[in-house]
């Protein structure tokens, strides 16, 4: 350090001090920028994007069959709960159907309310016995028609109908109804049951009640034991006409994963928006200071040799005016 000023004419150790200050200021400012300081408030519009799903849940007596275990109804409710977990931002509606269809939950973003309604579903929700998929499709169409009327536009690309059933049709034409429903949404189907079937027997009190009721002789007698099988041919045809896809229920989550992958192709639409006051992120200011400090440091390093030469010209070295030594 003592020899340096003698060997390098014009060298001044104090000329390096700004480098330390530039480094210190730049590092401190960069640390503040990384902390992302917030101050001041601004209004931001928060938009929520979602898709619309209407679940058609078969609540006929055939859903009491214990294949798969514990029974078809419980398996269907488990699958719906899995779908809710996968789509927390989407709206869901629930329509229960047997011989007739009834809207149990309107389209809602409140999944907690939807789960409460879902948990209350059983085979006694609809008093009219039978299985009428066409009536359930018609009820779903009513929901979408009302949505179109209220919104003034059609959001067909962001909608889906999910039919969960064993496919036994005792009334109506579900395939033709799916073709009509396809004008409002894509129709997907989850088959619950076993192609080998299971025996279904009505409780005594219900059998006695239905025995005294007039019925269509062209349909099977619901008071007598019958074998309920998974009618996959009908369900696949419904999915085909509805422009969707079919999956058979399995013990793991493969069926819902497969259907959800198809749901991912649906578009989204704005369901709500609101203005919120939010603190403004001001990281740009300390970042600008850090950038300026590091740039000044680099510029100072470039200028130091020129500054040394200028000093050398002003100060004689070893008696020789303007001499420079490396």
Protein backbone atom coordinates (compact mmCIF):
# COMPACT_ATOMS: atom_id res chain seq x y z
CA UNK A 1 0.00 0.00 0.00
CA UNK A 2 2.92 2.35 0.73
CA UNK A 3 4.71 1.54 -2.54
CA UNK A 4 1.63 1.81 -4.76
CA UNK A 5 1.57 5.65 -4.93
CA UNK A 6 5.30 5.63 -5.85
CA UNK A 7 4.94 2.96 -8.51
CA UNK A 8 1.71 4.34 -10.04
CA UNK A 9 1.98 8.04 -10.54
CA UNK A 10 -1.32 9.80 -9.81
CA UNK A 11 -2.73 6.95 -7.74
CA UNK A 12 -5.04 8.10 -4.94
CA UNK A 13 -6.50 5.45 -2.58
CA UNK A 14 -9.44 7.72 -1.77
CA UNK A 15 -10.63 7.40 -5.40
CA UNK A 16 -11.78 3.85 -4.63
CA UNK A 17 -14.00 4.85 -1.72
CA UNK A 18 -17.07 5.65 -3.91
CA UNK A 19 -17.02 2.02 -5.10
CA UNK A 20 -17.76 0.81 -1.57
CA UNK A 21 -20.61 3.30 -1.19
CA UNK A 22 -22.13 2.37 -4.54
CA UNK A 23 -21.97 -1.34 -3.62
CA UNK A 24 -23.49 -0.73 -0.19
CA UNK A 25 -26.33 1.47 -1.48
CA UNK A 26 -27.09 -0.87 -4.40
CA UNK A 27 -27.19 -3.99 -2.21
CA UNK A 28 -29.43 -2.30 0.39
CA UNK A 29 -31.82 -1.00 -2.28
CA UNK A 30 -31.95 -4.43 -3.94
CA UNK A 31 -32.83 -6.06 -0.61
CA UNK A 32 -35.68 -3.55 -0.14
CA UNK A 33 -36.94 -4.23 -3.68
CA UNK A 34 -36.98 -7.99 -3.03
CA UNK A 35 -39.06 -7.33 0.10
CA UNK A 36 -41.67 -5.69 -2.20
CA UNK A 37 -42.74 -2.74 -0.04
CA UNK A 38 -46.40 -1.69 -0.37
CA UNK A 39 -47.81 1.75 0.33
CA UNK A 40 -50.67 3.77 -1.05
CA UNK A 41 -54.01 2.28 -2.20
CA UNK A 42 -55.68 1.75 -5.56
CA UNK A 43 -58.97 0.27 -6.76
CA UNK A 44 -58.65 -3.10 -8.52
CA UNK A 45 -61.42 -5.01 -10.26
CA UNK A 46 -61.44 -8.68 -9.23
CA UNK A 47 -63.13 -10.98 -11.74
CA UNK A 48 -64.09 -14.58 -11.04
CA UNK A 49 -64.07 -17.04 -13.93
CA UNK A 50 -65.88 -20.35 -13.70
CA UNK A 51 -67.78 -23.08 -15.53
CA UNK A 52 -71.30 -24.33 -14.89
CA UNK A 53 -72.09 -27.96 -14.03
CA UNK A 54 -75.52 -29.44 -13.52
CA UNK A 55 -75.46 -32.84 -11.82
CA UNK A 56 -78.36 -35.17 -12.67
CA UNK A 57 -78.45 -37.66 -9.81
CA UNK A 58 -80.52 -40.82 -10.19
CA UNK A 59 -82.47 -41.36 -6.94
CA UNK A 60 -84.60 -44.29 -8.10
CA UNK A 61 -84.88 -47.47 -6.02
CA UNK A 62 -82.32 -49.20 -8.24
CA UNK A 63 -79.67 -46.91 -6.71
CA UNK A 64 -80.10 -48.87 -3.46
CA UNK A 65 -78.37 -51.86 -5.05
CA UNK A 66 -75.19 -52.86 -3.22
CA UNK A 67 -73.01 -53.17 -6.25
CA UNK A 68 -70.76 -51.28 -5.92
CA UNK A 69 -70.52 -51.15 -2.14
CA UNK A 70 -71.82 -49.62 0.05
CA UNK A 71 -74.54 -48.93 -2.55
CA UNK A 72 -74.93 -47.07 -5.81
CA UNK A 73 -76.30 -43.92 -4.19
CA UNK A 74 -73.42 -43.56 -1.75
CA UNK A 75 -70.89 -44.24 -4.49
CA UNK A 76 -72.49 -41.53 -6.65
CA UNK A 77 -72.33 -39.01 -3.80
CA UNK A 78 -68.66 -39.83 -3.20
CA UNK A 79 -67.86 -39.19 -6.87
CA UNK A 80 -69.67 -35.84 -6.83
CA UNK A 81 -67.70 -34.82 -3.73
CA UNK A 82 -64.44 -35.65 -5.56
CA UNK A 83 -65.50 -33.48 -8.48
CA UNK A 84 -66.26 -30.58 -6.11
CA UNK A 85 -62.73 -30.84 -4.71
CA UNK A 86 -61.25 -30.65 -8.20
CA UNK A 87 -63.31 -27.63 -9.29
CA UNK A 88 -63.44 -25.16 -6.36
CA UNK A 89 -64.06 -22.13 -8.61
CA UNK A 90 -66.93 -23.64 -10.64
CA UNK A 91 -70.68 -23.37 -10.13
CA UNK A 92 -72.72 -26.50 -9.47
CA UNK A 93 -76.43 -27.31 -9.52
CA UNK A 94 -78.12 -30.56 -8.45
CA UNK A 95 -81.20 -32.17 -9.98
CA UNK A 96 -82.54 -35.36 -8.40
CA UNK A 97 -84.72 -37.60 -10.51
CA UNK A 98 -86.57 -40.87 -10.46
CA UNK A 99 -90.08 -40.96 -11.98
CA UNK A 100 -89.93 -37.15 -11.98
CA UNK A 101 -87.16 -34.58 -11.69
CA UNK A 102 -86.71 -31.75 -9.22
CA UNK A 103 -84.10 -29.03 -8.84
CA UNK A 104 -82.50 -29.48 -5.41
CA UNK A 105 -79.79 -26.82 -5.63
CA UNK A 106 -79.56 -23.96 -8.13
CA UNK A 107 -76.27 -23.05 -9.78
CA UNK A 108 -74.09 -21.82 -6.94
CA UNK A 109 -70.49 -21.09 -6.02
CA UNK A 110 -71.27 -21.98 -2.41
CA UNK A 111 -69.91 -25.53 -2.34
CA UNK A 112 -70.60 -25.86 1.38
CA UNK A 113 -74.31 -25.38 0.78
CA UNK A 114 -74.16 -27.74 -2.20
CA UNK A 115 -72.54 -30.46 -0.05
CA UNK A 116 -75.26 -30.11 2.57
CA UNK A 117 -77.91 -30.66 -0.10
CA UNK A 118 -75.92 -33.55 -1.58
CA UNK A 119 -75.60 -35.29 1.79
CA UNK A 120 -79.39 -35.23 2.18
CA UNK A 121 -79.99 -37.13 -1.06
CA UNK A 122 -81.44 -40.65 -0.89
CA UNK A 123 -83.90 -42.80 -2.83
CA UNK A 124 -86.90 -41.22 -1.03
CA UNK A 125 -86.27 -37.64 -2.21
CA UNK A 126 -88.67 -37.96 -5.15
CA UNK A 127 -91.99 -39.55 -4.26
CA UNK A 128 -92.78 -40.70 -7.78
CA UNK A 129 -91.14 -44.04 -8.51
CA UNK A 130 -89.48 -44.96 -11.80
CA UNK A 131 -86.54 -43.63 -13.80
CA UNK A 132 -87.11 -40.75 -16.22
CA UNK A 133 -83.81 -39.44 -17.59
CA UNK A 134 -85.64 -37.35 -20.18
CA UNK A 135 -87.45 -35.41 -17.44
CA UNK A 136 -84.11 -34.69 -15.72
CA UNK A 137 -82.65 -33.39 -19.00
CA UNK A 138 -85.67 -31.15 -19.48
CA UNK A 139 -85.21 -29.71 -15.99
CA UNK A 140 -81.54 -28.94 -16.76
CA UNK A 141 -82.59 -27.18 -19.98
CA UNK A 142 -84.94 -24.98 -17.94
CA UNK A 143 -82.07 -23.93 -15.69
CA UNK A 144 -79.86 -22.98 -18.63
CA UNK A 145 -82.68 -21.18 -20.42
CA UNK A 146 -83.20 -19.02 -17.34
CA UNK A 147 -79.46 -18.33 -17.15
CA UNK A 148 -79.43 -17.25 -20.81
CA UNK A 149 -82.42 -14.99 -20.26
CA UNK A 150 -80.89 -13.33 -17.20
CA UNK A 151 -77.44 -12.88 -18.76
CA UNK A 152 -78.67 -11.95 -22.24
CA UNK A 153 -76.10 -14.26 -23.84
CA UNK A 154 -75.52 -17.99 -24.13
CA UNK A 155 -72.46 -19.53 -22.45
CA UNK A 156 -72.86 -22.98 -23.98
CA UNK A 157 -69.10 -23.50 -24.27
CA UNK A 158 -68.62 -23.25 -20.49
CA UNK A 159 -71.42 -25.63 -19.47
CA UNK A 160 -71.70 -29.34 -18.82
CA UNK A 161 -74.41 -31.74 -17.68
CA UNK A 162 -73.20 -34.77 -15.73
CA UNK A 163 -75.69 -37.63 -15.60
CA UNK A 164 -75.00 -40.14 -12.83
CA UNK A 165 -77.19 -43.19 -13.18
CA UNK A 166 -77.32 -46.95 -13.70
CA UNK A 167 -79.04 -46.33 -17.02
CA UNK A 168 -82.31 -48.12 -16.34
CA UNK A 169 -84.94 -46.16 -18.24
CA UNK A 170 -88.52 -46.92 -17.24
CA UNK A 171 -89.99 -43.76 -18.74
CA UNK A 172 -89.11 -41.23 -21.44
CA UNK A 173 -86.38 -41.25 -24.06
CA UNK A 174 -83.10 -40.14 -22.52
CA UNK A 175 -81.19 -40.32 -25.80
CA UNK A 176 -83.54 -37.92 -27.57
CA UNK A 177 -83.52 -35.62 -24.53
CA UNK A 178 -79.69 -35.57 -24.53
CA UNK A 179 -79.76 -34.42 -28.15
CA UNK A 180 -81.93 -31.44 -27.14
CA UNK A 181 -79.79 -30.71 -24.09
CA UNK A 182 -76.69 -30.59 -26.32
CA UNK A 183 -78.00 -27.26 -27.65
CA UNK A 184 -77.31 -25.77 -24.21
CA UNK A 185 -74.40 -27.80 -22.81
CA UNK A 186 -72.25 -30.89 -23.34
CA UNK A 187 -73.64 -34.04 -21.73
CA UNK A 188 -71.29 -36.34 -19.81
CA UNK A 189 -72.29 -39.61 -18.17
CA UNK A 190 -70.97 -41.56 -15.20
CA UNK A 191 -72.35 -45.09 -15.05
CA UNK A 192 -72.93 -46.47 -11.55
CA UNK A 193 -73.47 -50.21 -11.20
CA UNK A 194 -72.51 -53.58 -12.62
CA UNK A 195 -73.46 -55.07 -16.00
CA UNK A 196 -74.13 -58.35 -14.14
CA UNK A 197 -76.82 -56.58 -12.13
CA UNK A 198 -78.22 -56.90 -8.62
CA UNK A 199 -81.65 -57.84 -7.22
CA UNK A 200 -83.80 -54.93 -6.03
CA UNK A 201 -86.77 -55.35 -3.67
CA UNK A 202 -88.90 -52.45 -2.48
CA UNK A 203 -89.59 -52.02 1.24
CA UNK A 204 -92.96 -53.52 2.26
CA UNK A 205 -94.58 -50.17 3.06
CA UNK A 206 -93.67 -48.80 -0.36
CA UNK A 207 -94.77 -51.92 -2.18
CA UNK A 208 -98.15 -51.74 -0.47
CA UNK A 209 -98.50 -48.08 -1.37
CA UNK A 210 -97.60 -48.58 -5.02
CA UNK A 211 -99.85 -51.63 -5.33
CA UNK A 212 -102.91 -49.38 -4.93
CA UNK A 213 -101.66 -46.72 -7.38
CA UNK A 214 -102.58 -46.75 -11.10
CA UNK A 215 -99.58 -47.43 -13.33
CA UNK A 216 -98.59 -47.82 -16.95
CA UNK A 217 -98.84 -51.53 -17.80
CA UNK A 218 -96.16 -51.13 -20.47
CA UNK A 219 -93.52 -50.60 -17.78
CA UNK A 220 -92.24 -53.18 -15.29
CA UNK A 221 -94.18 -53.54 -12.04
CA UNK A 222 -92.06 -51.71 -9.43
CA UNK A 223 -93.67 -53.65 -6.55
CA UNK A 224 -92.12 -56.92 -7.69
CA UNK A 225 -88.44 -57.85 -7.19
CA UNK A 226 -86.39 -57.27 -10.31
CA UNK A 227 -82.76 -57.40 -11.35
CA UNK A 228 -81.16 -54.02 -11.93
CA UNK A 229 -78.24 -53.97 -14.39
CA UNK A 230 -75.98 -51.20 -15.61
CA UNK A 231 -77.28 -50.30 -19.08
CA UNK A 232 -74.04 -49.03 -20.58
CA UNK A 233 -75.33 -49.08 -24.15
CA UNK A 234 -78.00 -46.50 -23.34
CA UNK A 235 -75.66 -44.36 -21.26
CA UNK A 236 -73.00 -44.33 -23.97
CA UNK A 237 -75.61 -43.33 -26.54
CA UNK A 238 -76.73 -40.47 -24.29
CA UNK A 239 -73.14 -39.23 -23.98
CA UNK A 240 -72.64 -39.55 -27.74
CA UNK A 241 -75.77 -37.56 -28.60
CA UNK A 242 -74.88 -34.99 -25.94
CA UNK A 243 -71.42 -34.36 -27.35
CA UNK A 244 -69.71 -35.50 -24.16
CA UNK A 245 -68.07 -38.67 -22.86
CA UNK A 246 -68.94 -41.75 -20.80
CA UNK A 247 -67.06 -43.33 -17.89
CA UNK A 248 -67.95 -46.26 -15.66
CA UNK A 249 -67.55 -45.76 -11.92
CA UNK A 250 -64.56 -47.53 -10.38
CA UNK A 251 -63.27 -47.89 -6.83
CA UNK A 252 -60.45 -45.37 -7.22
CA UNK A 253 -60.51 -41.83 -8.70
CA UNK A 254 -59.77 -42.79 -12.30
CA UNK A 255 -63.33 -42.14 -13.48
CA UNK A 256 -63.51 -38.59 -12.10
CA UNK A 257 -59.96 -37.84 -13.29
CA UNK A 258 -60.93 -38.96 -16.79
CA UNK A 259 -64.09 -36.87 -16.86
CA UNK A 260 -62.37 -33.83 -15.37
CA UNK A 261 -59.75 -34.00 -18.10
CA UNK A 262 -62.62 -33.64 -20.59
CA UNK A 263 -64.14 -30.80 -18.55
CA UNK A 264 -60.83 -28.94 -18.89
CA UNK A 265 -61.65 -28.38 -22.58
CA UNK A 266 -64.62 -26.21 -21.59
CA UNK A 267 -64.18 -22.45 -21.68
CA UNK A 268 -64.85 -20.21 -18.68
CA UNK A 269 -67.01 -17.14 -18.23
CA UNK A 270 -67.23 -14.26 -15.78
CA UNK A 271 -69.58 -15.07 -12.92
CA UNK A 272 -68.86 -12.08 -10.67
CA UNK A 273 -66.69 -9.01 -10.29
CA UNK A 274 -66.02 -6.58 -7.48
CA UNK A 275 -63.87 -3.53 -6.74
CA UNK A 276 -61.34 -3.84 -3.93
CA UNK A 277 -58.88 -1.42 -2.37
CA UNK A 278 -55.41 -2.88 -2.53
CA UNK A 279 -52.00 -1.61 -1.40
CA UNK A 280 -49.76 -0.73 -4.34
CA UNK A 281 -46.52 -2.66 -4.76
CA UNK A 282 -43.73 -0.05 -4.93
CA UNK A 283 -40.75 -2.35 -5.56
CA UNK A 284 -39.90 -0.36 -8.72
CA UNK A 285 -38.47 2.58 -6.75
CA UNK A 286 -35.80 0.76 -4.70
CA UNK A 287 -35.05 -1.38 -7.75
CA UNK A 288 -34.38 1.77 -9.76
CA UNK A 289 -32.03 3.02 -7.00
CA UNK A 290 -30.18 -0.33 -6.98
CA UNK A 291 -29.83 -0.28 -10.76
CA UNK A 292 -28.50 3.28 -10.70
CA UNK A 293 -26.02 2.47 -7.92
CA UNK A 294 -24.60 -0.59 -9.70
CA UNK A 295 -24.43 1.33 -12.99
CA UNK A 296 -22.58 4.17 -11.26
CA UNK A 297 -20.16 1.65 -9.76
CA UNK A 298 -19.34 0.25 -13.19
CA UNK A 299 -18.96 3.74 -14.64
CA UNK A 300 -16.64 4.76 -11.79
CA UNK A 301 -14.40 1.71 -12.43
CA UNK A 302 -14.12 2.78 -16.08
CA UNK A 303 -13.29 6.37 -15.15
CA UNK A 304 -10.61 5.55 -12.54
CA UNK A 305 -7.72 5.03 -15.05
CA UNK A 306 -8.58 8.33 -16.74
CA UNK A 307 -8.67 10.03 -13.33
CA UNK A 308 -5.23 8.60 -12.44
CA UNK A 309 -3.71 9.87 -15.71
CA UNK A 310 -5.21 13.30 -15.09
CA UNK A 311 -3.64 13.38 -11.62
CA UNK A 312 -0.32 12.22 -13.05
CA UNK A 313 -0.22 15.15 -15.46
CA UNK A 314 -0.77 17.58 -12.60
CA UNK A 315 1.86 16.04 -10.25
CA UNK A 316 5.52 15.43 -11.18
CA UNK A 317 6.93 11.98 -10.44
CA UNK A 318 10.67 11.58 -9.46
CA UNK A 319 11.32 15.10 -10.70
CA UNK A 320 10.08 14.40 -14.23
CA UNK A 321 6.95 16.42 -15.12
CA UNK A 322 4.05 14.24 -16.33
CA UNK A 323 5.97 10.93 -16.03
CA UNK A 324 3.86 7.76 -15.60
CA UNK A 325 4.91 4.40 -14.29
CA UNK A 326 2.94 1.20 -14.43
